[in-house]
Amino acid sequence: MPTNQISHILTIDFESWILSEKIRGGKLTNNELLHLDDNFVQKSLDKILEILNKYHQKLTFFVCFKLEDLYPGTIEKIIENGHEIGWHGYSHKPITNTKTLKSEIDLSRKYLRKYKIKGFQAPGIMFFKNGYKLLKENGFVYSSSTYGQPQNVIKIDGIVEIPVSTTKNVSFENSFQTTQLNPRSLLQFGLPFGSSYFWSLLGKKFYNHILTKASNKREPVNFFVHNWQITPAWSKSNEYIPDEKESFLKNPFYLPYKKNVSDMLEYLLSRHKFLKMIDFVRET
């Protein structure tokens, strides 16, 4: 059971490798996508729900809504287990302009309305300031699409923005310039340890220390992990394979994603208290 009293924010980016850029370019049919996915979506969901139920934790799932079209009932299953559904776009395209945001919303509209979705996290934590007004017009209440300090929530055009945790405090203006990891951006906003990219690099003891230290300061941590880091994806195809399965030379950026972090997830869930992001917004 969690031992500290302050609640941190841990969210699940619920995706599938079949939504990656290289596969989107192939313009495959839904049946072809389902064949490639080979029920990964459902198996990864079952594994995560099992772990969360074990530790009696309720989180927010930021779901790519294309997966609901492919596997009807996915959203209902998450809700029935007591978790919140947030929007992670429809197809996992980078949402960096109004045209793409409108298109992704239109494709997701029936689910946004049916489930009264309030939260958004941009794929890749890449968003744009003019997008908040459109989020508000479509019923959203909050977003978590920048880097910074989650206790320093910002409200813009009616949307509460909850930054993903970094080691340095970042101004709202600068947070829109930190979407690419490079020496300059790291100097500017510090280590974005809230990103799932660093889970395997930093390890469970680092995150346990960070969460404990933040709890003692009464400061929340906001971080996320992907479902495919908990249940590794697979492929029966010779043409398409998940990015994290590519060789190091072909895709060195994905090296940290090659390690399964399910044991780390359980370690943190057993020691710390987490809450749904909508509850954090209501408490702010």
Protein backbone atom coordinates (compact mmCIF):
# COMPACT_ATOMS: atom_id res chain seq x y z
CA MET A 1 0.00 0.00 0.00
CA PRO A 2 1.16 3.57 -0.63
CA THR A 3 2.86 5.07 2.39
CA ASN A 4 2.96 8.83 1.69
CA GLN A 5 0.02 11.20 1.95
CA ILE A 6 0.43 13.59 -0.98
CA SER A 7 -0.89 12.29 -4.27
CA HIS A 8 1.25 12.39 -7.38
CA ILE A 9 0.08 12.06 -11.00
CA LEU A 10 0.99 8.99 -13.01
CA THR A 11 -0.76 8.63 -16.36
CA ILE A 12 -0.81 5.91 -19.03
CA ASP A 13 -0.27 6.81 -22.67
CA PHE A 14 -2.38 4.09 -24.25
CA GLU A 15 -1.21 3.50 -27.81
CA SER A 16 -0.16 0.82 -30.28
CA TRP A 17 2.86 0.59 -32.54
CA ILE A 18 0.47 0.36 -35.49
CA LEU A 19 -0.15 4.11 -35.02
CA SER A 20 3.51 4.96 -35.62
CA GLU A 21 4.49 7.33 -38.40
CA LYS A 22 6.03 4.65 -40.60
CA ILE A 23 2.83 2.61 -40.57
CA ARG A 24 0.52 5.62 -41.00
CA GLY A 25 2.38 6.27 -44.23
CA GLY A 26 1.37 2.84 -45.54
CA LYS A 27 -2.32 3.76 -45.39
CA LEU A 28 -3.32 0.28 -44.26
CA THR A 29 -6.95 -0.75 -43.84
CA ASN A 30 -8.40 -1.38 -40.41
CA ASN A 31 -8.30 -5.12 -41.04
CA GLU A 32 -4.63 -4.88 -41.97
CA LEU A 33 -3.93 -2.83 -38.84
CA LEU A 34 -5.72 -5.37 -36.67
CA HIS A 35 -3.67 -8.16 -38.20
CA LEU A 36 -0.45 -6.27 -37.43
CA ASP A 37 -1.53 -5.40 -33.89
CA ASP A 38 -2.40 -9.05 -33.23
CA ASN A 39 -4.50 -8.16 -30.17
CA PHE A 40 -1.64 -6.28 -28.50
CA VAL A 41 -4.02 -3.48 -27.47
CA GLN A 42 -6.25 -5.80 -25.48
CA LYS A 43 -3.42 -7.82 -23.95
CA SER A 44 -1.55 -4.70 -22.85
CA LEU A 45 -4.72 -3.25 -21.34
CA ASP A 46 -5.47 -6.43 -19.40
CA LYS A 47 -1.93 -6.44 -17.98
CA ILE A 48 -2.07 -2.81 -16.85
CA LEU A 49 -5.53 -3.16 -15.31
CA GLU A 50 -4.36 -6.24 -13.44
CA ILE A 51 -1.40 -4.33 -11.98
CA LEU A 52 -3.46 -1.27 -11.04
CA ASN A 53 -6.16 -3.40 -9.40
CA LYS A 54 -3.48 -5.22 -7.42
CA TYR A 55 -2.36 -1.94 -5.84
CA HIS A 56 -5.82 -0.32 -5.68
CA GLN A 57 -4.75 2.67 -7.75
CA LYS A 58 -6.95 4.65 -10.15
CA LEU A 59 -5.18 6.57 -12.91
CA THR A 60 -5.81 8.52 -16.10
CA PHE A 61 -5.39 6.76 -19.45
CA PHE A 62 -4.63 9.08 -22.36
CA VAL A 63 -6.01 6.98 -25.20
CA CYS A 64 -5.53 7.27 -28.96
CA PHE A 65 -9.17 7.01 -30.05
CA LYS A 66 -8.34 5.15 -33.27
CA LEU A 67 -7.92 2.16 -30.96
CA GLU A 68 -11.58 2.37 -29.97
CA ASP A 69 -12.53 2.09 -33.64
CA LEU A 70 -10.30 -0.96 -33.98
CA TYR A 71 -11.28 -2.54 -30.64
CA PRO A 72 -14.78 -1.36 -29.65
CA GLY A 73 -15.29 -1.47 -25.90
CA THR A 74 -11.72 -0.52 -24.97
CA ILE A 75 -12.76 2.81 -23.44
CA GLU A 76 -15.69 1.25 -21.56
CA LYS A 77 -13.38 -1.37 -20.06
CA ILE A 78 -11.02 1.27 -18.70
CA ILE A 79 -13.91 3.29 -17.24
CA GLU A 80 -15.52 0.21 -15.70
CA ASN A 81 -12.30 -0.37 -13.78
CA GLY A 82 -12.57 3.10 -12.23
CA HIS A 83 -10.03 4.98 -14.33
CA GLU A 84 -10.32 8.27 -16.21
CA ILE A 85 -10.17 8.52 -19.98
CA GLY A 86 -8.21 11.39 -21.49
CA TRP A 87 -7.60 12.13 -25.16
CA HIS A 88 -4.23 11.43 -26.79
CA GLY A 89 -5.41 12.42 -30.24
CA TYR A 90 -7.05 10.08 -32.70
CA SER A 91 -4.14 8.67 -34.69
CA HIS A 92 -1.11 9.79 -32.63
CA LYS A 93 -0.12 12.35 -35.23
CA PRO A 94 1.93 15.26 -33.85
CA ILE A 95 -0.60 18.02 -33.10
CA THR A 96 1.31 21.22 -33.77
CA ASN A 97 -1.14 23.28 -35.81
CA THR A 98 -4.84 24.13 -36.02
CA LYS A 99 -5.51 22.04 -39.11
CA THR A 100 -4.26 18.82 -37.51
CA LEU A 101 -6.00 19.53 -34.22
CA LYS A 102 -9.34 20.11 -35.96
CA SER A 103 -8.94 16.94 -38.01
CA GLU A 104 -8.07 14.80 -34.99
CA ILE A 105 -11.00 16.24 -33.02
CA ASP A 106 -13.42 15.59 -35.88
CA LEU A 107 -12.29 11.96 -36.11
CA SER A 108 -12.74 11.56 -32.34
CA ARG A 109 -15.87 13.65 -31.88
CA LYS A 110 -18.37 10.87 -31.21
CA TYR A 111 -16.22 9.49 -28.40
CA LEU A 112 -15.37 12.91 -26.99
CA ARG A 113 -19.10 13.60 -26.64
CA LYS A 114 -20.16 10.12 -25.53
CA TYR A 115 -17.63 9.92 -22.71
CA LYS A 116 -17.53 13.66 -21.92
CA ILE A 117 -13.76 13.77 -22.18
CA LYS A 118 -12.17 16.56 -20.14
CA GLY A 119 -8.42 15.96 -20.47
CA PHE A 120 -5.83 16.03 -23.23
CA GLN A 121 -2.20 15.10 -23.58
CA ALA A 122 -0.50 15.90 -26.87
CA PRO A 123 1.43 13.06 -28.54
CA GLY A 124 5.11 13.59 -27.90
CA ILE A 125 4.29 16.48 -25.53
CA MET A 126 4.24 18.71 -28.62
CA PHE A 127 1.47 21.30 -28.77
CA PHE A 128 0.94 24.95 -29.73
CA LYS A 129 -0.45 27.90 -27.78
CA ASN A 130 -3.27 28.72 -30.16
CA GLY A 131 -4.69 25.23 -29.72
CA TYR A 132 -6.09 25.84 -26.24
CA LYS A 133 -9.02 27.89 -27.46
CA LEU A 134 -10.11 25.06 -29.75
CA LEU A 135 -9.76 22.55 -26.89
CA LYS A 136 -12.03 24.73 -24.74
CA GLU A 137 -14.61 24.99 -27.53
CA ASN A 138 -14.75 21.20 -27.65
CA GLY A 139 -15.41 20.66 -23.96
CA PHE A 140 -11.91 20.08 -22.60
CA VAL A 141 -11.03 21.31 -19.13
CA TYR A 142 -7.32 20.54 -18.83
CA SER A 143 -4.20 19.60 -20.77
CA SER A 144 -0.82 18.12 -19.87
CA SER A 145 1.18 18.99 -22.97
CA THR A 146 4.16 21.05 -21.79
CA TYR A 147 7.15 20.52 -19.51
CA GLY A 148 7.68 22.26 -16.20
CA GLN A 149 6.46 22.03 -12.61
CA PRO A 150 2.97 20.53 -12.11
CA GLN A 151 2.31 22.63 -8.99
CA ASN A 152 2.64 25.69 -11.24
CA VAL A 153 -0.54 25.12 -13.22
CA ILE A 154 -1.34 27.70 -15.87
CA LYS A 155 -4.72 28.63 -17.30
CA ILE A 156 -4.84 29.70 -20.90
CA ASP A 157 -8.01 30.33 -22.90
CA GLY A 158 -9.98 28.50 -20.21
CA ILE A 159 -7.81 25.35 -20.17
CA VAL A 160 -5.78 24.33 -17.11
CA GLU A 161 -2.31 23.25 -18.27
CA ILE A 162 -0.52 20.80 -15.95
CA PRO A 163 3.13 20.47 -16.97
CA VAL A 164 4.98 17.16 -17.12
CA SER A 165 7.71 17.24 -14.48
CA THR A 166 11.22 18.56 -15.11
CA THR A 167 14.13 19.23 -12.76
CA LYS A 168 14.00 22.98 -13.47
CA ASN A 169 11.13 25.42 -13.39
CA VAL A 170 10.20 26.52 -16.92
CA SER A 171 8.22 29.58 -17.94
CA PHE A 172 5.05 28.94 -19.90
CA GLU A 173 6.50 30.72 -22.95
CA ASN A 174 9.63 28.57 -22.94
CA SER A 175 7.74 25.33 -22.41
CA PHE A 176 6.64 25.42 -26.06
CA GLN A 177 10.27 25.41 -27.18
CA THR A 178 11.31 22.26 -25.33
CA THR A 179 9.78 19.48 -27.40
CA GLN A 180 13.12 18.17 -28.70
CA LEU A 181 15.75 16.65 -26.43
CA ASN A 182 19.11 18.29 -27.13
CA PRO A 183 21.86 19.95 -25.02
CA ARG A 184 20.30 23.40 -25.40
CA SER A 185 16.85 22.36 -24.24
CA LEU A 186 18.25 20.32 -21.34
CA LEU A 187 20.15 23.37 -20.11
CA GLN A 188 16.98 25.41 -20.42
CA PHE A 189 14.47 23.22 -18.60
CA GLY A 190 16.55 20.51 -16.98
CA LEU A 191 15.91 16.81 -17.18
CA PRO A 192 12.29 16.05 -18.21
CA PHE A 193 12.12 13.00 -15.97
CA GLY A 194 8.33 13.06 -16.20
CA SER A 195 8.69 11.60 -19.69
CA SER A 196 8.55 7.81 -19.95
CA TYR A 197 11.74 7.98 -22.02
CA PHE A 198 13.76 8.14 -18.79
CA TRP A 199 12.16 5.28 -16.87
CA SER A 200 14.72 2.65 -17.83
CA LEU A 201 17.61 5.13 -17.89
CA LEU A 202 17.08 6.47 -14.37
CA GLY A 203 15.53 3.41 -12.71
CA LYS A 204 13.09 2.78 -9.91
CA LYS A 205 15.34 3.96 -7.07
CA PHE A 206 15.76 7.37 -8.70
CA TYR A 207 12.00 7.78 -9.17
CA ASN A 208 11.29 6.54 -5.66
CA HIS A 209 13.75 9.14 -4.33
CA ILE A 210 12.24 11.92 -6.46
CA LEU A 211 8.68 11.05 -5.40
CA THR A 212 9.63 10.78 -1.72
CA LYS A 213 11.52 14.09 -1.80
CA ALA A 214 8.62 15.81 -3.57
CA SER A 215 6.16 14.38 -1.05
CA ASN A 216 8.19 15.78 1.83
CA LYS A 217 8.02 19.19 0.14
CA ARG A 218 4.28 18.75 -0.48
CA GLU A 219 4.91 19.11 -4.21
CA PRO A 220 3.31 16.81 -6.81
CA VAL A 221 5.15 14.96 -9.55
CA ASN A 222 3.50 14.46 -12.95
CA PHE A 223 4.89 11.65 -15.10
CA PHE A 224 3.70 9.08 -17.61
CA VAL A 225 4.46 5.67 -19.06
CA HIS A 226 3.34 3.87 -22.23
CA ASN A 227 1.40 0.62 -22.30
CA TRP A 228 4.02 -0.88 -24.65
CA GLN A 229 6.68 -0.33 -21.99
CA ILE A 230 4.66 -2.57 -19.67
CA THR A 231 3.70 -5.18 -22.28
CA PRO A 232 6.26 -5.24 -25.11
CA ALA A 233 4.74 -5.22 -28.59
CA TRP A 234 5.47 -7.83 -31.22
CA SER A 235 5.08 -8.29 -34.95
CA LYS A 236 4.45 -11.20 -37.28
CA SER A 237 5.30 -9.02 -40.27
CA ASN A 238 8.60 -9.00 -42.14
CA GLU A 239 7.88 -5.51 -43.42
CA TYR A 240 6.73 -3.72 -40.27
CA ILE A 241 8.07 -4.02 -36.72
CA PRO A 242 7.72 -1.76 -33.64
CA ASP A 243 10.23 1.09 -33.43
CA GLU A 244 11.64 -0.19 -30.15
CA LYS A 245 12.39 -3.55 -31.82
CA GLU A 246 14.59 -1.94 -34.48
CA SER A 247 18.35 -2.41 -34.25
CA PHE A 248 20.34 0.20 -32.31
CA LEU A 249 22.08 1.40 -35.47
CA LYS A 250 18.78 1.88 -37.28
CA ASN A 251 16.97 3.58 -34.43
CA PRO A 252 19.34 4.54 -31.56
CA PHE A 253 16.81 6.94 -30.03
CA TYR A 254 14.61 4.03 -29.00
CA LEU A 255 17.29 2.21 -26.98
CA PRO A 256 15.79 3.24 -23.58
CA TYR A 257 12.44 1.84 -24.70
CA LYS A 258 13.80 -1.67 -25.20
CA LYS A 259 13.64 -2.48 -21.48
CA ASN A 260 10.38 -3.64 -19.94
CA VAL A 261 9.49 -1.47 -16.92
CA SER A 262 6.52 -3.40 -15.51
CA ASP A 263 8.47 -4.25 -12.34
CA MET A 264 9.28 -0.57 -11.88
CA LEU A 265 5.62 0.34 -12.27
CA GLU A 266 4.69 -2.12 -9.53
CA TYR A 267 7.50 -0.88 -7.30
CA LEU A 268 6.27 2.71 -7.51
CA LEU A 269 2.59 1.81 -7.16
CA SER A 270 3.37 -0.11 -3.97
CA ARG A 271 5.12 2.88 -2.38
CA HIS A 272 3.34 5.99 -3.55
CA LYS A 273 -0.15 7.35 -3.89
CA PHE A 274 -1.37 8.47 -7.32
CA LEU A 275 -4.60 10.01 -8.49
CA LYS A 276 -6.53 10.69 -11.66
CA MET A 277 -5.58 13.94 -13.34
CA ILE A 278 -9.14 15.29 -13.27
CA ASP A 279 -9.06 14.92 -9.46
CA PHE A 280 -5.80 16.86 -9.33
CA VAL A 281 -7.45 19.64 -11.37
CA ARG A 282 -10.41 19.73 -8.99
CA GLU A 283 -8.07 19.99 -5.99
CA THR A 284 -5.97 22.77 -7.56
